[in-house]
Amino acid sequence: MKKSLNILLVHNFYQNSGGEDSVFFNEYNMLMNAGHNVIKYTEDNSDIKKMNIFQKMFLPFTMIYSFKTKRNIKKIIKENNIDIIHVHNILNLISPSVFYIAKKMNIPIVQTIHNFRYLCPNGLFYRDSHICEECPNKGLKCSIKHNCYRGSKLQTIINVLMLKIHRKTKIYKSVNFIFLTEFNKDKFTQYNKSLNIFDTNKFYVKPNFITSKDQHNNFLFLEKKNQYIYVGRTEKEKGIFDLVKIWENVTDAKLIICGSGSLDNQIKNLIQEKHLNVEHKGFMPHEKVFEEISQSIALIFPSTCYEGFPMTLIESLNMNIPVIARNIGNASSIVNKESGLLYDTEKEFIEIINKGKIKGIKPQINKLYLEKDNYLELENIYKNIMEEKK
């Protein structure tokens, strides 16, 4: 592979900024720092609010295939002699049209998969407070029955149509995919046996990364308190309400909650009613969160859904703080005996806390979670993809 590449980085921002947006910027900076010429092509779903009534009526068609994206990507490829296209999110304004123009112009293309949307219209494999994999097993019509995308039947139908149309054209077989964990890759591989949507020879695994291994040094030597910490949104699928409920079975340790969401009031009421040794601090700046993590015995990750790639876990490990996680989904791909403990039942969790089982673990962070090694992995993936395209 030549030393410097012309890379087109493609991303559709959500209306509410999230983890995928941060990953996009982190990878852009990483590739630029490595000496590559990186061109960004982005759209922003917040622009939908500014559309006139005609544009909004046409939006479902744009979601399925955007001629604007086709024109713009084609122009960028020609003007910048693009070597490879790296896509993150394409919903709603970019659309899969980026895949078609890449194939037509014989440009290798890869997409980082942040969720399960190609198998499940809501992207989560989660509905009505439980794991759900009906769509890849019984067909996408299941999502229409349950209004899985934002609780809207119409929006769910549009997403199902988009998936069905592009499955029929076999376009996904021309795309390389980077999965953040082996768990995600295994799910896609498992269901591809019956659905035959992808080319599994084009599957790769590369996790997200921390931008600097030194960013937490200021917190490494703070004195530990007899506390455990939860960091994240206070939503039902995160398992936080159940965590607070069972905390009355914990003997003396304190639980710190950093984050906010729809369950804030219920959690505060439960804490007062049961006189729990729990402090709900709400939303806090990153620096304050890092300070709280560094003073804790362990980070608790009780999520009941598969999740994507929780950055909180590797942030904690990078501060030498172990993780206690529910044995489900991507947490079970990240947390192992070198970094923390997994639990299946409430009884197991309570024993971990009350018997101090986590205290002897000194976390070892996977080098791929650090920028230097992560870049080398991405460089190797690009090399393989480009060689296959020749």
Protein backbone atom coordinates (compact mmCIF):
# COMPACT_ATOMS: atom_id res chain seq x y z
CA MET A 1 0.00 0.00 0.00
CA LYS A 2 1.34 3.41 -0.87
CA LYS A 3 2.41 5.58 2.04
CA SER A 4 -0.28 8.26 1.71
CA LEU A 5 -3.87 7.58 0.63
CA ASN A 6 -6.67 9.80 -0.62
CA ILE A 7 -9.46 8.72 1.70
CA LEU A 8 -13.10 9.80 1.49
CA LEU A 9 -14.67 9.64 4.95
CA VAL A 10 -18.49 9.61 4.82
CA HIS A 11 -20.89 10.21 7.70
CA ASN A 12 -24.50 11.25 8.29
CA PHE A 13 -24.84 13.05 11.64
CA TYR A 14 -27.88 12.31 13.80
CA GLN A 15 -30.11 15.10 15.08
CA ASN A 16 -28.82 14.40 18.57
CA SER A 17 -25.04 14.00 18.62
CA GLY A 18 -23.85 10.60 19.78
CA GLY A 19 -20.95 8.18 19.97
CA GLU A 20 -20.82 7.53 16.21
CA ASP A 21 -20.14 11.21 15.59
CA SER A 22 -17.21 11.15 18.03
CA VAL A 23 -15.78 8.04 16.36
CA PHE A 24 -16.03 9.74 12.96
CA PHE A 25 -14.05 12.77 14.14
CA ASN A 26 -11.53 10.63 16.03
CA GLU A 27 -10.79 8.52 12.95
CA TYR A 28 -10.58 11.61 10.75
CA ASN A 29 -7.97 13.14 13.06
CA MET A 30 -6.11 9.85 13.37
CA LEU A 31 -5.85 9.41 9.59
CA MET A 32 -4.83 13.03 9.06
CA ASN A 33 -2.13 12.75 11.74
CA ALA A 34 -0.83 9.65 9.96
CA GLY A 35 -0.22 11.73 6.83
CA HIS A 36 -3.19 10.72 4.69
CA ASN A 37 -5.25 13.14 2.62
CA VAL A 38 -8.75 12.81 4.09
CA ILE A 39 -11.80 14.38 2.50
CA LYS A 40 -15.00 14.50 4.54
CA TYR A 41 -18.45 14.14 3.03
CA THR A 42 -21.18 14.67 5.62
CA GLU A 43 -24.89 15.34 5.95
CA ASP A 44 -26.76 16.33 9.09
CA ASN A 45 -30.24 15.07 9.98
CA SER A 46 -30.93 18.32 11.85
CA ASP A 47 -31.30 19.86 8.37
CA ILE A 48 -34.55 17.93 8.00
CA LYS A 49 -36.19 20.47 10.30
CA LYS A 50 -35.33 23.23 7.80
CA MET A 51 -36.88 21.44 4.83
CA ASN A 52 -40.03 22.72 3.14
CA ILE A 53 -43.11 20.53 2.87
CA PHE A 54 -42.20 19.27 -0.61
CA GLN A 55 -38.69 18.24 0.51
CA LYS A 56 -40.11 16.41 3.52
CA MET A 57 -42.60 14.56 1.32
CA PHE A 58 -39.74 13.42 -0.90
CA LEU A 59 -37.54 12.41 2.06
CA PRO A 60 -38.61 8.70 2.09
CA PHE A 61 -37.32 8.36 -1.48
CA THR A 62 -34.09 10.16 -0.56
CA MET A 63 -33.57 7.72 2.32
CA ILE A 64 -33.76 4.82 -0.14
CA TYR A 65 -31.58 6.44 -2.82
CA SER A 66 -30.13 9.96 -2.80
CA PHE A 67 -29.25 11.37 -6.23
CA LYS A 68 -27.62 14.29 -4.45
CA THR A 69 -25.21 11.89 -2.73
CA LYS A 70 -24.53 10.14 -6.02
CA ARG A 71 -23.61 13.42 -7.76
CA ASN A 72 -21.48 14.74 -4.91
CA ILE A 73 -19.57 11.51 -4.27
CA LYS A 74 -18.89 11.05 -7.99
CA LYS A 75 -17.48 14.59 -8.19
CA ILE A 76 -15.26 14.10 -5.10
CA ILE A 77 -13.89 10.81 -6.46
CA LYS A 78 -12.93 12.42 -9.77
CA GLU A 79 -11.46 15.61 -8.32
CA ASN A 80 -9.45 13.95 -5.54
CA ASN A 81 -8.37 10.65 -7.09
CA ILE A 82 -9.92 8.76 -4.15
CA ASP A 83 -8.23 5.49 -3.21
CA ILE A 84 -10.79 4.21 -0.70
CA ILE A 85 -14.14 5.25 0.77
CA HIS A 86 -14.80 4.72 4.47
CA VAL A 87 -18.44 5.10 5.56
CA HIS A 88 -19.88 5.38 9.05
CA ASN A 89 -23.60 6.27 9.06
CA ILE A 90 -25.77 6.76 5.94
CA LEU A 91 -29.22 7.33 7.50
CA ASN A 92 -31.22 9.42 6.55
CA LEU A 93 -29.78 11.80 3.95
CA ILE A 94 -26.77 10.02 2.44
CA SER A 95 -28.51 6.70 1.73
CA PRO A 96 -26.98 3.51 0.23
CA SER A 97 -26.41 5.39 -3.04
CA VAL A 98 -22.80 5.85 -1.88
CA PHE A 99 -22.33 2.08 -2.28
CA TYR A 100 -23.61 2.08 -5.85
CA ILE A 101 -21.40 4.93 -7.07
CA ALA A 102 -18.36 3.31 -5.41
CA LYS A 103 -19.10 0.04 -7.20
CA LYS A 104 -19.67 1.77 -10.54
CA MET A 105 -16.40 3.70 -10.30
CA ASN A 106 -14.52 0.66 -8.97
CA ILE A 107 -13.50 2.36 -5.70
CA PRO A 108 -13.05 0.02 -2.68
CA ILE A 109 -15.51 0.86 0.08
CA VAL A 110 -15.80 -0.10 3.73
CA GLN A 111 -18.41 0.74 6.35
CA THR A 112 -17.93 0.69 10.11
CA ILE A 113 -20.99 -1.02 11.62
CA HIS A 114 -22.14 0.75 14.78
CA ASN A 115 -25.47 -1.10 15.20
CA PHE A 116 -27.62 -3.92 13.79
CA ARG A 117 -29.67 -1.83 11.35
CA TYR A 118 -29.05 -4.04 8.29
CA LEU A 119 -30.70 -6.88 10.20
CA CYS A 120 -33.11 -4.96 12.45
CA PRO A 121 -34.86 -1.71 11.39
CA ASN A 122 -34.43 -0.07 14.79
CA GLY A 123 -30.79 -1.13 14.86
CA LEU A 124 -30.85 -2.44 18.42
CA PHE A 125 -32.20 -6.00 18.51
CA TYR A 126 -34.27 -4.66 21.42
CA ARG A 127 -37.93 -3.79 21.92
CA ASP A 128 -40.50 -3.73 24.72
CA SER A 129 -37.77 -4.12 27.35
CA HIS A 130 -36.26 -7.33 25.97
CA ILE A 131 -33.82 -8.63 23.38
CA CYS A 132 -35.61 -9.24 20.07
CA GLU A 133 -34.19 -10.97 16.98
CA GLU A 134 -37.47 -11.66 15.19
CA CYS A 135 -36.62 -9.74 12.00
CA PRO A 136 -33.63 -11.85 10.88
CA ASN A 137 -35.45 -15.01 11.98
CA LYS A 138 -39.02 -14.40 10.77
CA GLY A 139 -38.73 -11.49 8.33
CA LEU A 140 -38.70 -7.69 8.40
CA LYS A 141 -42.50 -7.59 8.57
CA CYS A 142 -42.16 -8.23 12.30
CA SER A 143 -40.80 -4.71 12.79
CA ILE A 144 -43.85 -3.22 11.03
CA LYS A 145 -46.14 -5.15 13.37
CA HIS A 146 -44.37 -3.69 16.41
CA ASN A 147 -43.68 -0.18 14.96
CA CYS A 148 -40.03 -0.71 15.84
CA TYR A 149 -38.51 2.43 14.30
CA ARG A 150 -39.27 5.34 16.64
CA GLY A 151 -42.69 3.88 17.41
CA SER A 152 -43.94 4.89 13.94
CA LYS A 153 -45.48 2.42 11.51
CA LEU A 154 -44.85 4.71 8.52
CA GLN A 155 -41.17 5.29 9.37
CA THR A 156 -40.73 1.58 10.04
CA ILE A 157 -42.25 0.71 6.64
CA ILE A 158 -39.83 3.13 4.92
CA ASN A 159 -36.85 1.54 6.66
CA VAL A 160 -38.08 -1.95 5.76
CA LEU A 161 -38.49 -0.92 2.11
CA MET A 162 -34.95 0.48 2.08
CA LEU A 163 -33.53 -2.75 3.45
CA LYS A 164 -35.57 -4.96 1.12
CA ILE A 165 -34.72 -3.01 -2.04
CA HIS A 166 -30.99 -3.00 -1.42
CA ARG A 167 -30.96 -6.63 -0.36
CA LYS A 168 -32.57 -7.49 -3.70
CA THR A 169 -29.86 -5.65 -5.65
CA LYS A 170 -27.12 -7.51 -3.68
CA ILE A 171 -25.27 -4.20 -3.24
CA TYR A 172 -24.15 -5.07 0.31
CA LYS A 173 -22.04 -7.90 -1.11
CA SER A 174 -19.77 -5.29 -2.71
CA VAL A 175 -19.16 -3.55 0.63
CA ASN A 176 -16.50 -4.41 3.22
CA PHE A 177 -17.62 -4.11 6.83
CA ILE A 178 -15.69 -3.28 9.99
CA PHE A 179 -17.35 -4.55 13.18
CA LEU A 180 -16.46 -3.08 16.56
CA THR A 181 -16.48 -6.47 18.33
CA GLU A 182 -16.41 -10.18 17.56
CA PHE A 183 -19.93 -10.37 19.00
CA ASN A 184 -21.31 -8.03 16.31
CA LYS A 185 -19.42 -9.84 13.57
CA ASP A 186 -20.74 -13.20 14.79
CA LYS A 187 -24.34 -11.94 14.74
CA PHE A 188 -24.04 -10.80 11.12
CA THR A 189 -22.26 -14.01 10.14
CA GLN A 190 -24.88 -16.14 11.89
CA TYR A 191 -27.85 -14.56 10.10
CA ASN A 192 -26.10 -14.25 6.76
CA LYS A 193 -26.19 -18.06 6.47
CA SER A 194 -29.92 -17.88 5.81
CA LEU A 195 -30.30 -14.33 4.46
CA ASN A 196 -27.26 -14.29 2.11
CA ILE A 197 -27.00 -10.48 2.17
CA PHE A 198 -23.27 -9.98 2.70
CA ASP A 199 -19.94 -11.41 1.62
CA THR A 200 -18.51 -12.62 4.94
CA ASN A 201 -15.02 -12.74 3.40
CA LYS A 202 -15.23 -8.94 3.58
CA PHE A 203 -15.83 -8.85 7.35
CA TYR A 204 -13.22 -7.28 9.65
CA VAL A 205 -13.06 -6.43 13.36
CA LYS A 206 -11.57 -3.20 14.72
CA PRO A 207 -12.75 -1.58 17.95
CA ASN A 208 -13.13 2.07 18.77
CA PHE A 209 -10.17 3.67 20.49
CA ILE A 210 -9.14 6.23 23.08
CA THR A 211 -7.59 9.28 21.45
CA SER A 212 -4.73 9.51 23.96
CA LYS A 213 -3.45 6.97 26.45
CA ASP A 214 -2.19 9.83 28.61
CA GLN A 215 -5.46 11.73 29.01
CA HIS A 216 -6.34 10.05 32.33
CA ASN A 217 -2.94 10.39 34.02
CA ASN A 218 -4.18 13.16 36.31
CA PHE A 219 -6.68 10.76 37.87
CA LEU A 220 -4.52 7.67 38.35
CA PHE A 221 -3.35 8.43 41.87
CA LEU A 222 -6.53 9.70 43.50
CA GLU A 223 -7.47 7.94 46.72
CA LYS A 224 -10.06 5.18 46.32
CA LYS A 225 -13.40 5.44 48.09
CA ASN A 226 -15.74 2.63 49.10
CA GLN A 227 -17.90 3.27 46.06
CA TYR A 228 -18.93 1.78 42.72
CA ILE A 229 -19.99 3.86 39.76
CA TYR A 230 -22.51 3.75 36.91
CA VAL A 231 -21.96 6.09 33.95
CA GLY A 232 -24.59 6.45 31.25
CA ARG A 233 -28.14 7.40 30.42
CA THR A 234 -30.82 6.52 32.95
CA GLU A 235 -33.02 4.51 30.60
CA LYS A 236 -34.69 1.14 31.14
CA GLU A 237 -32.58 -0.80 28.62
CA LYS A 238 -29.45 0.33 30.46
CA GLY A 239 -30.43 -1.74 33.50
CA ILE A 240 -29.91 1.19 35.86
CA PHE A 241 -33.30 1.03 37.59
CA ASP A 242 -32.86 -2.67 38.40
CA LEU A 243 -29.36 -1.90 39.67
CA VAL A 244 -30.70 0.71 42.09
CA LYS A 245 -33.47 -1.64 43.27
CA ILE A 246 -31.04 -4.42 44.23
CA TRP A 247 -28.60 -2.03 45.89
CA GLU A 248 -30.52 -2.44 49.19
CA ASN A 249 -28.89 -5.87 49.32
CA VAL A 250 -25.42 -4.33 49.27
CA THR A 251 -23.90 -4.16 52.76
CA ASP A 252 -21.89 -0.96 52.95
CA ALA A 253 -20.57 0.29 49.57
CA LYS A 254 -21.99 3.37 47.88
CA LEU A 255 -23.30 3.59 44.32
CA ILE A 256 -22.60 6.75 42.31
CA ILE A 257 -24.77 7.44 39.24
CA CYS A 258 -23.40 9.83 36.61
CA GLY A 259 -25.91 10.47 33.85
CA SER A 260 -29.48 11.49 33.22
CA GLY A 261 -32.54 10.31 31.32
CA SER A 262 -36.22 9.46 31.51
CA LEU A 263 -35.88 7.46 34.76
CA ASP A 264 -34.30 10.26 36.81
CA ASN A 265 -37.36 10.97 38.96
CA GLN A 266 -38.17 7.29 39.53
CA ILE A 267 -34.61 6.62 40.62
CA LYS A 268 -34.54 9.58 43.00
CA ASN A 269 -37.87 8.53 44.52
CA LEU A 270 -36.66 4.95 44.98
CA ILE A 271 -33.46 6.13 46.67
CA GLN A 272 -35.48 8.22 49.15
CA GLU A 273 -38.14 5.57 49.74
CA LYS A 274 -35.65 2.76 50.44
CA HIS A 275 -32.99 4.99 52.08
CA LEU A 276 -30.39 3.56 49.72
CA ASN A 277 -26.70 4.32 49.83
CA VAL A 278 -26.93 5.71 46.31
CA GLU A 279 -26.09 9.20 45.01
CA HIS A 280 -27.58 10.30 41.71
CA LYS A 281 -25.32 13.09 40.44
CA GLY A 282 -27.00 13.49 37.04
CA PHE A 283 -25.18 14.74 33.99
CA MET A 284 -21.55 15.73 34.64
CA PRO A 285 -18.68 17.04 32.46
CA HIS A 286 -16.20 14.38 31.29
CA GLU A 287 -13.44 15.57 33.60
CA LYS A 288 -15.69 15.21 36.65
CA VAL A 289 -16.86 11.78 35.50
CA PHE A 290 -13.26 10.62 35.07
CA GLU A 291 -12.49 11.86 38.57
CA GLU A 292 -15.39 9.86 40.03
CA ILE A 293 -14.42 6.73 38.08
CA SER A 294 -10.80 6.93 39.26
CA GLN A 295 -11.92 7.01 42.91
CA SER A 296 -14.24 4.00 42.54
CA ILE A 297 -13.60 0.32 43.19
CA ALA A 298 -15.16 -0.60 39.85
CA LEU A 299 -17.40 0.62 37.06
CA ILE A 300 -20.76 -1.18 36.84
CA PHE A 301 -22.29 -1.84 33.41
CA PRO A 302 -25.73 -3.46 33.92
CA SER A 303 -27.17 -2.92 30.42
CA THR A 304 -29.88 -5.37 29.32
CA CYS A 305 -29.37 -4.71 25.58
CA TYR A 306 -26.50 -5.69 23.30
CA GLU A 307 -25.12 -2.13 23.08
CA GLY A 308 -22.66 -0.96 20.41
CA PHE A 309 -19.18 -0.30 21.71
CA PRO A 310 -19.45 1.39 25.14
CA MET A 311 -16.54 3.82 25.36
CA THR A 312 -17.11 4.11 29.11
CA LEU A 313 -15.73 0.61 29.53
CA ILE A 314 -12.38 1.29 27.91
CA GLU A 315 -12.15 4.73 29.54
CA SER A 316 -12.45 2.97 32.88
CA LEU A 317 -9.88 0.30 32.01
CA ASN A 318 -7.48 2.98 30.86
CA MET A 319 -7.67 4.42 34.39
CA ASN A 320 -6.91 0.98 35.87
CA ILE A 321 -10.48 0.64 37.14
CA PRO A 322 -12.03 -2.82 36.55
CA VAL A 323 -15.54 -3.36 35.18
CA ILE A 324 -18.47 -5.42 36.47
CA ALA A 325 -20.79 -6.07 33.52
CA ARG A 326 -23.89 -8.06 32.76
CA ASN A 327 -22.91 -11.08 30.66
CA ILE A 328 -24.69 -10.01 27.50
CA GLY A 329 -23.83 -8.60 24.10
CA ASN A 330 -20.80 -6.47 23.47
CA ALA A 331 -19.90 -6.00 27.12
CA SER A 332 -19.06 -9.70 27.23
CA SER A 333 -16.70 -9.17 24.25
CA ILE A 334 -14.84 -6.36 26.02
CA VAL A 335 -14.77 -7.48 29.65
CA ASN A 336 -12.73 -10.58 30.49
CA LYS A 337 -10.85 -11.99 33.49
CA GLU A 338 -8.00 -9.53 32.87
CA SER A 339 -10.31 -6.50 32.96
CA GLY A 340 -13.22 -7.32 35.25
CA LEU A 341 -16.07 -9.71 36.02
CA LEU A 342 -19.27 -10.74 34.25
CA TYR A 343 -22.50 -11.72 35.98
CA ASP A 344 -25.68 -13.46 34.84
CA THR A 345 -27.95 -13.12 37.88
CA GLU A 346 -28.67 -10.61 40.62
CA LYS A 347 -27.39 -13.10 43.16
CA GLU A 348 -24.03 -13.31 41.37
CA PHE A 349 -23.83 -9.51 41.22
CA ILE A 350 -24.55 -9.05 44.93
CA GLU A 351 -21.87 -11.62 45.81
CA ILE A 352 -19.32 -9.80 43.65
CA ILE A 353 -20.00 -6.57 45.55
CA ASN A 354 -20.43 -7.89 49.10
CA LYS A 355 -17.49 -10.30 48.93
CA GLY A 356 -15.24 -7.77 47.20
CA LYS A 357 -14.41 -10.19 44.38
CA ILE A 358 -13.46 -7.39 42.00
CA LYS A 359 -10.85 -5.79 44.28
CA GLY A 360 -7.96 -8.06 43.31
CA ILE A 361 -8.27 -7.40 39.59
CA LYS A 362 -5.77 -5.00 38.02
CA PRO A 363 -7.08 -4.28 34.52
CA GLN A 364 -5.04 -4.83 31.39
CA ILE A 365 -6.26 -2.74 28.47
CA ASN A 366 -6.25 -4.21 24.97
CA LYS A 367 -3.65 -2.36 22.88
CA LEU A 368 -6.16 -2.05 20.04
CA TYR A 369 -8.13 0.36 22.25
CA LEU A 370 -5.17 2.77 22.05
CA GLU A 371 -4.71 5.02 19.05
CA LYS A 372 -1.30 3.83 17.82
CA ASP A 373 -2.20 0.14 17.55
CA ASN A 374 -5.72 0.94 16.39
CA TYR A 375 -4.32 2.92 13.46
CA LEU A 376 -2.04 0.04 12.45
CA GLU A 377 -5.08 -2.27 12.43
CA LEU A 378 -7.08 0.14 10.26
CA GLU A 379 -4.12 0.57 7.90
CA ASN A 380 -3.92 -3.22 7.53
CA ILE A 381 -7.65 -3.42 6.79
CA TYR A 382 -7.35 -0.74 4.10
CA LYS A 383 -4.40 -2.62 2.60
CA ASN A 384 -6.33 -5.90 2.41
CA ILE A 385 -9.40 -4.24 0.89
CA MET A 386 -7.40 -2.42 -1.75
CA GLU A 387 -5.43 -5.53 -2.70
CA GLU A 388 -8.66 -7.54 -3.05
CA LYS A 389 -10.06 -4.83 -5.35
CA LYS A 390 -7.14 -5.08 -7.79
